[in-house]
N, C-alpha and C. Protein backbone atom coordinates (compact mmCIF):
# COMPACT_ATOMS: atom_id res chain seq x y z
N MET A 1 72.62 58.33 19.83
CA MET A 1 73.11 59.09 20.96
C MET A 1 74.35 59.88 20.55
N ALA A 2 74.49 61.05 21.09
CA ALA A 2 75.66 61.84 20.78
C ALA A 2 76.88 61.25 21.46
N PRO A 3 78.03 61.18 20.75
CA PRO A 3 79.24 60.67 21.38
C PRO A 3 79.58 61.48 22.63
N GLY A 4 79.96 60.79 23.67
CA GLY A 4 80.36 61.48 24.88
C GLY A 4 79.23 61.78 25.84
N PHE A 5 78.00 61.53 25.46
CA PHE A 5 76.89 61.83 26.37
C PHE A 5 76.97 60.95 27.61
N PHE A 6 77.33 59.69 27.41
CA PHE A 6 77.45 58.76 28.52
C PHE A 6 78.91 58.46 28.80
N PRO A 7 79.27 58.27 30.08
CA PRO A 7 80.56 57.65 30.38
C PRO A 7 80.52 56.20 29.96
N PRO A 8 81.67 55.51 29.94
CA PRO A 8 81.67 54.11 29.52
C PRO A 8 80.74 53.27 30.38
N SER A 9 80.17 52.23 29.78
CA SER A 9 79.31 51.33 30.53
C SER A 9 80.11 50.60 31.60
N ALA A 10 79.39 50.05 32.56
CA ALA A 10 80.03 49.33 33.66
C ALA A 10 80.74 48.09 33.15
N GLY A 11 81.92 47.82 33.70
CA GLY A 11 82.63 46.59 33.40
C GLY A 11 82.20 45.49 34.36
N CYS A 12 82.84 44.32 34.26
CA CYS A 12 82.44 43.17 35.08
C CYS A 12 82.56 43.47 36.57
N HIS A 13 83.66 44.11 36.96
CA HIS A 13 83.83 44.41 38.38
C HIS A 13 82.75 45.36 38.86
N GLU A 14 82.48 46.40 38.06
CA GLU A 14 81.46 47.37 38.45
C GLU A 14 80.09 46.70 38.54
N VAL A 15 79.79 45.78 37.64
CA VAL A 15 78.50 45.08 37.69
C VAL A 15 78.39 44.28 38.98
N ASP A 16 79.50 43.63 39.40
CA ASP A 16 79.49 42.89 40.66
C ASP A 16 79.21 43.81 41.83
N VAL A 17 79.82 45.00 41.81
CA VAL A 17 79.61 45.97 42.88
C VAL A 17 78.15 46.44 42.87
N LEU A 18 77.63 46.72 41.68
CA LEU A 18 76.25 47.20 41.58
C LEU A 18 75.26 46.16 42.07
N ALA A 19 75.55 44.90 41.83
CA ALA A 19 74.61 43.85 42.21
C ALA A 19 74.27 43.93 43.69
N ARG A 20 75.22 44.37 44.49
CA ARG A 20 74.98 44.48 45.93
C ARG A 20 74.05 45.63 46.26
N LYS A 21 73.88 46.57 45.34
CA LYS A 21 73.00 47.72 45.57
C LYS A 21 71.56 47.45 45.16
N TYR A 22 71.32 46.35 44.45
CA TYR A 22 70.00 46.12 43.87
C TYR A 22 69.23 45.04 44.61
N SER A 23 69.17 45.13 45.92
CA SER A 23 68.38 44.16 46.67
C SER A 23 66.91 44.33 46.32
N GLU A 24 66.19 43.21 46.35
CA GLU A 24 64.80 43.19 45.91
C GLU A 24 63.93 44.19 46.65
N ASP A 25 64.16 44.35 47.95
CA ASP A 25 63.28 45.18 48.76
C ASP A 25 63.71 46.65 48.82
N ARG A 26 64.84 47.00 48.19
CA ARG A 26 65.30 48.38 48.24
C ARG A 26 65.52 49.00 46.86
N THR A 27 65.09 48.32 45.81
CA THR A 27 65.34 48.78 44.45
C THR A 27 64.04 48.84 43.66
N GLY A 28 63.87 49.89 42.87
CA GLY A 28 62.69 50.00 42.03
C GLY A 28 63.05 50.48 40.63
N LEU A 29 62.25 50.07 39.66
CA LEU A 29 62.39 50.55 38.28
C LEU A 29 61.42 51.69 38.05
N LEU A 30 61.94 52.82 37.57
CA LEU A 30 61.10 53.95 37.17
C LEU A 30 60.97 53.94 35.65
N LEU A 31 59.77 53.64 35.16
CA LEU A 31 59.47 53.72 33.73
C LEU A 31 58.81 55.06 33.47
N ILE A 32 59.47 55.91 32.72
CA ILE A 32 59.06 57.30 32.56
C ILE A 32 58.41 57.52 31.20
N ASP A 33 57.17 58.03 31.21
CA ASP A 33 56.47 58.51 30.01
C ASP A 33 56.45 57.49 28.87
N THR A 34 56.08 56.27 29.18
CA THR A 34 56.06 55.23 28.14
C THR A 34 54.72 55.25 27.41
N PHE A 35 54.46 56.36 26.74
CA PHE A 35 53.20 56.59 26.03
C PHE A 35 53.31 56.21 24.55
N ASN A 36 52.17 55.95 23.95
CA ASN A 36 52.14 55.70 22.51
C ASN A 36 52.66 56.88 21.71
N ASP A 37 52.38 58.11 22.14
CA ASP A 37 52.87 59.27 21.39
C ASP A 37 54.39 59.28 21.28
N PHE A 38 55.07 58.70 22.27
CA PHE A 38 56.53 58.62 22.22
C PHE A 38 57.02 57.37 21.50
N LEU A 39 56.39 56.21 21.74
CA LEU A 39 57.03 54.93 21.45
C LEU A 39 56.34 54.07 20.40
N SER A 40 55.21 54.51 19.88
CA SER A 40 54.46 53.67 18.93
C SER A 40 54.41 54.31 17.55
N GLN A 41 54.45 53.46 16.54
CA GLN A 41 54.24 53.92 15.17
C GLN A 41 52.90 54.62 15.10
N GLY A 42 52.87 55.84 14.59
CA GLY A 42 51.65 56.63 14.57
C GLY A 42 51.56 57.62 15.70
N GLY A 43 52.45 57.49 16.71
CA GLY A 43 52.49 58.47 17.79
C GLY A 43 52.99 59.81 17.30
N LYS A 44 52.53 60.88 17.93
CA LYS A 44 52.85 62.23 17.45
C LYS A 44 54.35 62.53 17.50
N LEU A 45 55.05 61.97 18.47
CA LEU A 45 56.48 62.24 18.61
C LEU A 45 57.36 61.15 18.02
N TRP A 46 56.76 60.03 17.63
CA TRP A 46 57.56 58.91 17.15
C TRP A 46 58.48 59.26 15.98
N PRO A 47 58.05 60.05 14.99
CA PRO A 47 58.98 60.37 13.89
C PRO A 47 60.24 61.07 14.38
N ARG A 48 60.15 61.85 15.44
CA ARG A 48 61.32 62.54 15.97
C ARG A 48 62.15 61.63 16.87
N VAL A 49 61.51 60.67 17.49
CA VAL A 49 62.19 59.74 18.38
C VAL A 49 62.85 58.60 17.62
N GLN A 50 62.24 58.17 16.52
CA GLN A 50 62.62 56.92 15.86
C GLN A 50 64.10 56.80 15.53
N PRO A 51 64.78 57.83 15.00
CA PRO A 51 66.21 57.64 14.68
C PRO A 51 67.04 57.24 15.90
N ALA A 52 66.85 57.93 17.02
CA ALA A 52 67.60 57.58 18.23
C ALA A 52 67.15 56.25 18.80
N ALA A 53 65.83 55.99 18.72
CA ALA A 53 65.30 54.73 19.25
C ALA A 53 65.83 53.54 18.47
N ASP A 54 65.83 53.65 17.15
CA ASP A 54 66.34 52.56 16.32
C ASP A 54 67.83 52.33 16.55
N ALA A 55 68.57 53.40 16.81
CA ALA A 55 70.02 53.28 16.99
C ALA A 55 70.39 52.43 18.20
N VAL A 56 69.52 52.42 19.22
CA VAL A 56 69.83 51.63 20.43
C VAL A 56 68.90 50.43 20.59
N ASP A 57 68.04 50.18 19.57
CA ASP A 57 67.06 49.09 19.65
C ASP A 57 66.20 49.27 20.91
N LEU A 58 65.65 50.46 21.03
CA LEU A 58 65.00 50.90 22.27
C LEU A 58 63.88 49.98 22.73
N MET A 59 62.94 49.68 21.85
CA MET A 59 61.77 48.92 22.30
C MET A 59 62.14 47.51 22.75
N SER A 60 63.07 46.88 22.04
CA SER A 60 63.50 45.55 22.45
C SER A 60 64.13 45.59 23.84
N HIS A 61 64.95 46.61 24.09
CA HIS A 61 65.60 46.72 25.39
C HIS A 61 64.61 47.07 26.50
N LEU A 62 63.63 47.92 26.21
CA LEU A 62 62.63 48.22 27.22
C LEU A 62 61.83 46.98 27.60
N ARG A 63 61.46 46.18 26.61
CA ARG A 63 60.72 44.94 26.91
C ARG A 63 61.58 44.00 27.76
N THR A 64 62.84 43.85 27.37
CA THR A 64 63.74 42.96 28.10
C THR A 64 63.98 43.46 29.52
N LEU A 65 64.21 44.76 29.66
CA LEU A 65 64.44 45.34 30.98
C LEU A 65 63.25 45.11 31.90
N LEU A 66 62.06 45.36 31.39
CA LEU A 66 60.86 45.21 32.22
C LEU A 66 60.67 43.75 32.63
N ALA A 67 60.86 42.84 31.69
CA ALA A 67 60.72 41.42 32.01
C ALA A 67 61.77 40.99 33.03
N THR A 68 63.00 41.49 32.88
CA THR A 68 64.08 41.15 33.80
C THR A 68 63.78 41.63 35.21
N VAL A 69 63.32 42.86 35.31
CA VAL A 69 63.00 43.45 36.61
C VAL A 69 61.85 42.70 37.28
N ARG A 70 60.85 42.34 36.50
CA ARG A 70 59.72 41.61 37.08
C ARG A 70 60.18 40.23 37.58
N ARG A 71 61.02 39.54 36.81
CA ARG A 71 61.53 38.24 37.26
C ARG A 71 62.34 38.36 38.54
N ALA A 72 63.05 39.48 38.67
CA ALA A 72 63.88 39.69 39.85
C ALA A 72 63.07 40.10 41.07
N GLY A 73 61.79 40.38 40.88
CA GLY A 73 60.92 40.72 41.99
C GLY A 73 60.97 42.17 42.42
N LEU A 74 61.51 43.06 41.59
CA LEU A 74 61.56 44.48 41.94
C LEU A 74 60.21 45.14 41.66
N THR A 75 59.95 46.22 42.37
CA THR A 75 58.72 46.99 42.14
C THR A 75 58.91 47.90 40.93
N VAL A 76 57.87 48.00 40.11
CA VAL A 76 57.88 48.86 38.93
C VAL A 76 57.03 50.09 39.23
N PHE A 77 57.62 51.26 39.03
CA PHE A 77 56.93 52.53 39.24
C PHE A 77 56.75 53.20 37.87
N HIS A 78 55.51 53.45 37.50
CA HIS A 78 55.22 54.15 36.24
C HIS A 78 55.12 55.64 36.55
N VAL A 79 55.92 56.44 35.84
CA VAL A 79 56.06 57.87 36.13
C VAL A 79 55.57 58.65 34.91
N PRO A 80 54.26 58.94 34.85
CA PRO A 80 53.69 59.52 33.64
C PRO A 80 53.67 61.04 33.63
N HIS A 81 53.79 61.58 32.44
CA HIS A 81 53.60 63.01 32.24
C HIS A 81 52.11 63.34 32.34
N ARG A 82 51.83 64.58 32.60
CA ARG A 82 50.45 65.07 32.56
C ARG A 82 49.83 64.76 31.20
N ARG A 83 48.68 64.09 31.21
CA ARG A 83 47.93 63.91 29.96
C ARG A 83 47.24 65.24 29.63
N TRP A 84 47.58 65.77 28.46
CA TRP A 84 47.10 67.10 28.09
C TRP A 84 45.59 67.15 28.01
N ARG A 85 45.03 68.24 28.53
CA ARG A 85 43.61 68.56 28.41
C ARG A 85 43.48 69.98 27.91
N GLU A 86 42.48 70.24 27.11
CA GLU A 86 42.22 71.59 26.61
C GLU A 86 42.12 72.56 27.78
N GLY A 87 42.88 73.65 27.69
CA GLY A 87 42.85 74.67 28.74
C GLY A 87 43.86 74.47 29.84
N ASP A 88 44.70 73.43 29.76
CA ASP A 88 45.67 73.16 30.82
C ASP A 88 46.54 74.37 31.15
N PHE A 89 46.95 75.11 30.14
CA PHE A 89 47.91 76.18 30.37
C PHE A 89 47.32 77.58 30.16
N ASP A 90 46.00 77.66 30.11
CA ASP A 90 45.34 78.96 29.97
C ASP A 90 45.69 79.85 31.17
N ARG A 91 46.05 81.07 30.88
CA ARG A 91 46.34 82.09 31.88
C ARG A 91 47.63 81.81 32.66
N TRP A 92 48.41 80.82 32.20
CA TRP A 92 49.72 80.61 32.81
C TRP A 92 50.65 81.76 32.40
N LYS A 93 51.41 82.29 33.35
CA LYS A 93 52.31 83.40 33.06
C LYS A 93 53.62 82.92 32.44
N HIS A 94 54.11 81.76 32.89
CA HIS A 94 55.44 81.35 32.47
C HIS A 94 55.50 79.86 32.12
N PRO A 95 54.70 79.40 31.16
CA PRO A 95 54.85 78.01 30.74
C PRO A 95 56.21 77.81 30.09
N THR A 96 56.76 76.60 30.25
CA THR A 96 58.06 76.29 29.66
C THR A 96 57.89 76.04 28.16
N PRO A 97 58.97 76.08 27.40
CA PRO A 97 58.87 75.72 25.98
C PRO A 97 58.28 74.33 25.76
N TRP A 98 58.63 73.37 26.63
CA TRP A 98 58.08 72.02 26.51
C TRP A 98 56.58 72.02 26.76
N GLN A 99 56.12 72.77 27.74
CA GLN A 99 54.68 72.85 28.01
C GLN A 99 53.95 73.53 26.85
N LEU A 100 54.55 74.53 26.25
CA LEU A 100 53.94 75.17 25.09
C LEU A 100 53.85 74.20 23.92
N GLN A 101 54.88 73.36 23.75
CA GLN A 101 54.83 72.36 22.69
C GLN A 101 53.73 71.34 22.94
N ILE A 102 53.62 70.89 24.19
CA ILE A 102 52.55 69.96 24.54
C ILE A 102 51.19 70.56 24.22
N ASP A 103 51.01 71.81 24.58
CA ASP A 103 49.73 72.48 24.36
C ASP A 103 49.46 72.68 22.87
N ARG A 104 50.49 73.06 22.14
CA ARG A 104 50.34 73.33 20.70
C ARG A 104 50.02 72.06 19.92
N GLU A 105 50.65 70.95 20.30
CA GLU A 105 50.51 69.71 19.54
C GLU A 105 49.54 68.72 20.19
N GLY A 106 49.03 69.05 21.37
CA GLY A 106 48.11 68.14 22.05
C GLY A 106 48.77 66.81 22.39
N LEU A 107 50.00 66.86 22.90
CA LEU A 107 50.74 65.63 23.17
C LEU A 107 50.17 64.91 24.40
N PHE A 108 50.18 63.58 24.33
CA PHE A 108 49.72 62.73 25.43
C PHE A 108 48.31 63.13 25.89
N ALA A 109 47.44 63.40 24.94
CA ALA A 109 46.12 63.93 25.29
C ALA A 109 45.32 62.91 26.10
N HIS A 110 44.68 63.41 27.13
CA HIS A 110 43.85 62.58 28.00
C HIS A 110 42.74 61.90 27.20
N GLY A 111 42.57 60.60 27.42
CA GLY A 111 41.49 59.87 26.77
C GLY A 111 41.76 59.47 25.33
N THR A 112 43.00 59.68 24.85
CA THR A 112 43.34 59.32 23.48
C THR A 112 44.35 58.18 23.48
N TRP A 113 44.48 57.54 22.31
CA TRP A 113 45.46 56.47 22.14
C TRP A 113 46.86 56.99 22.40
N GLY A 114 47.17 58.20 21.94
CA GLY A 114 48.51 58.75 22.11
C GLY A 114 48.90 58.95 23.55
N GLY A 115 47.93 59.21 24.42
CA GLY A 115 48.20 59.41 25.83
C GLY A 115 48.09 58.14 26.65
N ASP A 116 47.87 57.01 26.00
CA ASP A 116 47.80 55.74 26.71
C ASP A 116 49.18 55.10 26.75
N TRP A 117 49.35 54.12 27.66
CA TRP A 117 50.62 53.40 27.76
C TRP A 117 50.87 52.58 26.50
N HIS A 118 52.12 52.45 26.11
CA HIS A 118 52.48 51.47 25.09
C HIS A 118 52.07 50.10 25.62
N ALA A 119 51.42 49.31 24.79
CA ALA A 119 50.82 48.05 25.25
C ALA A 119 51.83 47.11 25.90
N ASP A 120 53.07 47.10 25.43
CA ASP A 120 54.07 46.18 25.97
C ASP A 120 54.64 46.65 27.31
N LEU A 121 54.34 47.89 27.69
CA LEU A 121 54.95 48.48 28.88
C LEU A 121 53.90 48.94 29.89
N ALA A 122 52.67 48.53 29.69
CA ALA A 122 51.56 49.00 30.51
C ALA A 122 51.65 48.45 31.94
N PRO A 123 51.09 49.17 32.89
CA PRO A 123 51.09 48.71 34.29
C PRO A 123 50.41 47.36 34.45
N GLN A 124 50.93 46.59 35.40
CA GLN A 124 50.35 45.30 35.78
C GLN A 124 50.04 45.33 37.27
N PRO A 125 49.20 44.41 37.74
CA PRO A 125 48.91 44.37 39.17
C PRO A 125 50.19 44.31 39.99
N GLY A 126 50.24 45.11 41.04
CA GLY A 126 51.42 45.20 41.87
C GLY A 126 52.33 46.36 41.52
N ASP A 127 52.20 46.93 40.31
CA ASP A 127 52.96 48.11 39.93
C ASP A 127 52.39 49.33 40.66
N VAL A 128 53.18 50.39 40.72
CA VAL A 128 52.76 51.64 41.34
C VAL A 128 52.69 52.72 40.26
N ILE A 129 51.54 53.37 40.14
CA ILE A 129 51.37 54.46 39.18
C ILE A 129 51.49 55.78 39.92
N ILE A 130 52.48 56.56 39.57
CA ILE A 130 52.77 57.82 40.23
C ILE A 130 51.87 58.93 39.65
N GLN A 131 51.62 59.94 40.46
CA GLN A 131 50.86 61.09 39.97
C GLN A 131 51.57 61.72 38.77
N GLU A 132 50.79 62.30 37.88
CA GLU A 132 51.34 62.88 36.65
C GLU A 132 52.17 64.13 36.96
N HIS A 133 53.31 64.23 36.29
CA HIS A 133 54.15 65.42 36.45
C HIS A 133 53.88 66.41 35.31
N TRP A 134 53.88 67.68 35.65
CA TRP A 134 53.57 68.73 34.67
C TRP A 134 54.82 69.22 33.93
N GLY A 135 55.96 69.15 34.59
CA GLY A 135 57.20 69.57 33.97
C GLY A 135 58.05 68.37 33.60
N HIS A 136 59.36 68.55 33.59
CA HIS A 136 60.26 67.45 33.23
C HIS A 136 60.51 66.49 34.40
N ASP A 137 60.60 67.02 35.59
CA ASP A 137 61.00 66.23 36.75
C ASP A 137 59.84 65.40 37.29
N GLY A 138 60.05 64.08 37.37
CA GLY A 138 59.01 63.19 37.86
C GLY A 138 58.76 63.29 39.35
N PHE A 139 59.65 63.97 40.10
CA PHE A 139 59.47 64.13 41.54
C PHE A 139 58.64 65.36 41.89
N HIS A 140 58.78 66.44 41.12
CA HIS A 140 58.18 67.71 41.50
C HIS A 140 56.66 67.64 41.48
N SER A 141 56.05 67.98 42.60
CA SER A 141 54.58 68.05 42.75
C SER A 141 53.90 66.72 42.49
N THR A 142 54.60 65.61 42.73
CA THR A 142 54.01 64.28 42.61
C THR A 142 54.27 63.52 43.91
N ASP A 143 53.77 62.30 43.97
CA ASP A 143 53.99 61.45 45.15
C ASP A 143 55.14 60.47 44.95
N LEU A 144 56.00 60.71 43.97
CA LEU A 144 57.07 59.74 43.67
C LEU A 144 57.99 59.54 44.88
N ASP A 145 58.49 60.62 45.45
CA ASP A 145 59.40 60.49 46.59
C ASP A 145 58.71 59.78 47.76
N LEU A 146 57.47 60.13 48.04
CA LEU A 146 56.71 59.49 49.11
C LEU A 146 56.54 58.00 48.86
N GLN A 147 56.15 57.64 47.65
CA GLN A 147 55.92 56.23 47.33
C GLN A 147 57.21 55.42 47.43
N LEU A 148 58.31 55.99 46.99
CA LEU A 148 59.59 55.29 47.08
C LEU A 148 60.01 55.10 48.53
N ARG A 149 59.95 56.16 49.31
CA ARG A 149 60.43 56.09 50.69
C ARG A 149 59.53 55.19 51.55
N GLN A 150 58.23 55.23 51.31
CA GLN A 150 57.32 54.38 52.08
C GLN A 150 57.57 52.91 51.80
N ARG A 151 58.10 52.60 50.64
CA ARG A 151 58.42 51.22 50.28
C ARG A 151 59.87 50.85 50.54
N GLY A 152 60.60 51.77 51.17
CA GLY A 152 61.98 51.49 51.52
C GLY A 152 62.94 51.46 50.34
N ILE A 153 62.55 52.11 49.23
CA ILE A 153 63.39 52.11 48.04
C ILE A 153 64.54 53.09 48.20
N GLU A 154 65.75 52.61 47.97
CA GLU A 154 66.94 53.44 48.04
C GLU A 154 67.66 53.55 46.70
N SER A 155 67.50 52.54 45.85
CA SER A 155 68.15 52.53 44.53
C SER A 155 67.07 52.56 43.46
N ILE A 156 67.20 53.48 42.52
CA ILE A 156 66.22 53.58 41.44
C ILE A 156 66.91 53.38 40.09
N ILE A 157 66.25 52.59 39.24
CA ILE A 157 66.73 52.31 37.89
C ILE A 157 65.80 53.04 36.94
N LEU A 158 66.35 53.89 36.07
CA LEU A 158 65.54 54.74 35.21
C LEU A 158 65.60 54.29 33.76
N ALA A 159 64.43 54.31 33.11
CA ALA A 159 64.32 54.03 31.68
C ALA A 159 63.07 54.73 31.17
N GLY A 160 62.94 54.82 29.86
CA GLY A 160 61.77 55.45 29.27
C GLY A 160 62.13 56.68 28.47
N MET A 161 61.22 57.66 28.46
CA MET A 161 61.38 58.81 27.57
C MET A 161 61.21 60.13 28.32
N ALA A 162 61.81 61.16 27.84
CA ALA A 162 62.90 61.15 26.87
C ALA A 162 64.18 61.48 27.61
N LEU A 163 65.28 60.97 27.12
CA LEU A 163 66.55 61.14 27.81
C LEU A 163 66.91 62.61 28.00
N ASP A 164 66.63 63.45 27.02
CA ASP A 164 67.01 64.85 27.09
C ASP A 164 65.95 65.70 27.78
N ARG A 165 64.93 65.05 28.35
CA ARG A 165 63.87 65.80 29.04
C ARG A 165 63.58 65.17 30.38
N CYS A 166 62.52 64.39 30.47
CA CYS A 166 62.06 63.92 31.77
C CYS A 166 62.99 62.90 32.41
N VAL A 167 63.64 62.07 31.63
CA VAL A 167 64.57 61.08 32.20
C VAL A 167 65.75 61.80 32.86
N ALA A 168 66.33 62.76 32.15
CA ALA A 168 67.47 63.49 32.71
C ALA A 168 67.08 64.25 33.96
N ALA A 169 65.95 64.96 33.92
CA ALA A 169 65.54 65.76 35.07
C ALA A 169 65.24 64.88 36.28
N THR A 170 64.58 63.77 36.06
CA THR A 170 64.23 62.87 37.17
C THR A 170 65.48 62.23 37.75
N ALA A 171 66.43 61.88 36.90
CA ALA A 171 67.69 61.30 37.38
C ALA A 171 68.44 62.29 38.25
N ARG A 172 68.56 63.51 37.80
CA ARG A 172 69.31 64.52 38.56
C ARG A 172 68.67 64.76 39.93
N VAL A 173 67.36 64.95 39.92
CA VAL A 173 66.68 65.24 41.19
C VAL A 173 66.73 64.02 42.11
N GLY A 174 66.57 62.83 41.54
CA GLY A 174 66.67 61.62 42.35
C GLY A 174 68.00 61.53 43.08
N ALA A 175 69.08 61.85 42.37
CA ALA A 175 70.41 61.83 42.99
C ALA A 175 70.50 62.88 44.09
N GLU A 176 69.95 64.06 43.85
CA GLU A 176 70.00 65.11 44.85
C GLU A 176 69.17 64.77 46.08
N LEU A 177 68.14 63.96 45.92
CA LEU A 177 67.31 63.54 47.04
C LEU A 177 67.92 62.38 47.83
N GLY A 178 69.05 61.86 47.34
CA GLY A 178 69.76 60.84 48.09
C GLY A 178 69.55 59.42 47.61
N TYR A 179 68.92 59.22 46.45
CA TYR A 179 68.76 57.88 45.89
C TYR A 179 70.02 57.50 45.12
N HIS A 180 70.32 56.21 45.08
CA HIS A 180 71.33 55.71 44.15
C HIS A 180 70.64 55.55 42.80
N VAL A 181 71.14 56.26 41.80
CA VAL A 181 70.46 56.36 40.50
C VAL A 181 71.24 55.58 39.44
N THR A 182 70.55 54.67 38.78
CA THR A 182 71.11 53.93 37.65
C THR A 182 70.31 54.28 36.40
N LEU A 183 71.00 54.62 35.34
CA LEU A 183 70.37 54.92 34.05
C LEU A 183 70.69 53.80 33.07
N VAL A 184 69.68 53.24 32.44
CA VAL A 184 69.89 52.16 31.48
C VAL A 184 69.99 52.81 30.09
N ARG A 185 71.19 52.87 29.58
CA ARG A 185 71.50 53.71 28.43
C ARG A 185 70.82 53.27 27.13
N ASP A 186 70.55 51.97 26.97
CA ASP A 186 69.90 51.52 25.74
C ASP A 186 68.41 51.27 25.93
N ALA A 187 67.87 51.73 27.08
CA ALA A 187 66.43 51.66 27.31
C ALA A 187 65.84 53.06 27.46
N THR A 188 66.50 54.02 26.82
CA THR A 188 66.03 55.39 26.73
C THR A 188 66.58 55.97 25.44
N ALA A 189 66.02 57.10 25.03
CA ALA A 189 66.49 57.75 23.81
C ALA A 189 66.15 59.22 23.88
N THR A 190 66.88 60.02 23.10
CA THR A 190 66.60 61.45 23.04
C THR A 190 65.41 61.71 22.12
N LEU A 191 64.78 62.87 22.35
CA LEU A 191 63.70 63.28 21.48
C LEU A 191 64.22 63.83 20.16
N ALA A 192 65.37 64.48 20.21
CA ALA A 192 65.95 65.04 18.99
C ALA A 192 67.46 65.08 19.14
N ALA A 193 68.16 64.84 18.03
CA ALA A 193 69.62 64.76 18.08
C ALA A 193 70.25 66.04 18.59
N GLU A 194 69.67 67.19 18.23
CA GLU A 194 70.27 68.44 18.66
C GLU A 194 70.21 68.60 20.17
N ASN A 195 69.19 68.02 20.81
CA ASN A 195 69.11 68.09 22.26
C ASN A 195 70.19 67.24 22.91
N ALA A 196 70.49 66.11 22.31
CA ALA A 196 71.57 65.27 22.84
C ALA A 196 72.89 66.02 22.81
N GLU A 197 73.15 66.76 21.73
CA GLU A 197 74.39 67.51 21.63
C GLU A 197 74.51 68.52 22.77
N GLN A 198 73.40 69.12 23.18
CA GLN A 198 73.44 70.10 24.24
C GLN A 198 73.84 69.50 25.57
N GLU A 199 73.64 68.19 25.73
CA GLU A 199 73.91 67.54 27.01
C GLU A 199 75.32 66.95 27.11
N THR A 200 76.10 66.96 26.04
CA THR A 200 77.34 66.20 26.05
C THR A 200 78.33 66.71 27.09
N ASP A 201 78.32 67.99 27.38
CA ASP A 201 79.29 68.54 28.32
C ASP A 201 78.70 68.74 29.71
N GLY A 202 77.48 68.26 29.93
CA GLY A 202 76.83 68.44 31.22
C GLY A 202 77.34 67.45 32.25
N PRO A 203 76.89 67.60 33.49
CA PRO A 203 77.32 66.70 34.56
C PRO A 203 76.72 65.32 34.38
N PRO A 204 77.32 64.28 34.98
CA PRO A 204 76.74 62.95 34.89
C PRO A 204 75.32 62.94 35.43
N LEU A 205 74.47 62.12 34.82
CA LEU A 205 73.09 62.06 35.22
C LEU A 205 72.86 61.07 36.36
N ALA A 206 73.77 60.15 36.58
CA ALA A 206 73.48 59.05 37.47
C ALA A 206 74.76 58.53 38.10
N HIS A 207 74.59 57.74 39.17
CA HIS A 207 75.74 57.09 39.79
C HIS A 207 76.28 55.97 38.92
N ALA A 208 75.38 55.30 38.21
CA ALA A 208 75.78 54.20 37.33
C ALA A 208 75.01 54.31 36.03
N ILE A 209 75.71 54.09 34.93
CA ILE A 209 75.09 54.10 33.61
C ILE A 209 75.44 52.79 32.94
N VAL A 210 74.44 51.97 32.67
CA VAL A 210 74.65 50.60 32.25
C VAL A 210 73.79 50.27 31.04
N THR A 211 74.05 49.12 30.45
CA THR A 211 73.20 48.59 29.40
C THR A 211 72.16 47.66 30.01
N THR A 212 71.19 47.28 29.21
CA THR A 212 70.19 46.32 29.66
C THR A 212 70.84 45.00 30.05
N GLU A 213 71.80 44.55 29.25
CA GLU A 213 72.50 43.30 29.56
C GLU A 213 73.23 43.39 30.89
N GLU A 214 73.85 44.54 31.15
CA GLU A 214 74.60 44.70 32.40
C GLU A 214 73.68 44.73 33.61
N ILE A 215 72.53 45.40 33.49
CA ILE A 215 71.61 45.43 34.63
C ILE A 215 71.02 44.05 34.87
N ALA A 216 70.80 43.29 33.81
CA ALA A 216 70.32 41.92 33.97
C ALA A 216 71.34 41.08 34.72
N ALA A 217 72.62 41.25 34.37
CA ALA A 217 73.67 40.51 35.06
C ALA A 217 73.75 40.91 36.53
N ALA A 218 73.59 42.21 36.80
CA ALA A 218 73.64 42.68 38.18
C ALA A 218 72.48 42.18 39.00
N LEU A 219 71.35 41.94 38.35
CA LEU A 219 70.17 41.44 39.05
C LEU A 219 70.19 39.91 39.14
N GLY A 220 71.23 39.29 38.60
CA GLY A 220 71.35 37.84 38.71
C GLY A 220 70.57 37.08 37.68
N THR A 221 70.19 37.77 36.58
CA THR A 221 69.47 37.12 35.49
C THR A 221 70.15 37.47 34.19
N ARG A 222 69.66 36.87 33.12
CA ARG A 222 70.16 37.19 31.78
C ARG A 222 68.99 37.61 30.92
N PRO A 223 69.18 38.65 30.06
CA PRO A 223 68.09 39.06 29.18
C PRO A 223 67.73 37.94 28.21
N THR A 224 66.45 37.90 27.84
CA THR A 224 65.99 36.91 26.88
C THR A 224 65.72 37.55 25.55
């Protein structure tokens, strides 16, 4: 991670304050784009992700975070990107650079291993799978806001991929929609170091930015 991208992690007092915001019936975990192409050896984007992922021990923290949230009884929302299909962007007038990259490289292709969930982070019964988002923001043109509000969710905890793309966009929009947004800093990573540098002077992404250990403490559990 680029120095300065995150404000300091929450201290003990802040964790105590946060714990009051994470009631079981009003808090949900958003796992964003946890695909093999991002997170598995052999995935198309893994070589670009691996340096940042290794620096924060990403996979270990994602596993611990998910297990912690499940033990605490929170709802898990899987927020997937559009699985690429041939012709997705044909005749589009203004595809974004990210959409052009997806099209060029066939990222997260529908029906392929790369577009499937990482096995350790796959949905389980009781989880909610959100409609696929075409751009960076997991709220735009999906049922994410509807699913959260219908379940009475007010606080959202974000993790997954990638910090400089879909995680950042979803965090910002979530805050603007009135959710209390927590970003788990060691359960996400940038796609490329140069993108992290571009974000260092930007506005905060979330109301709270914590580690996996801190969120576990706030939820009344300890990571294993």
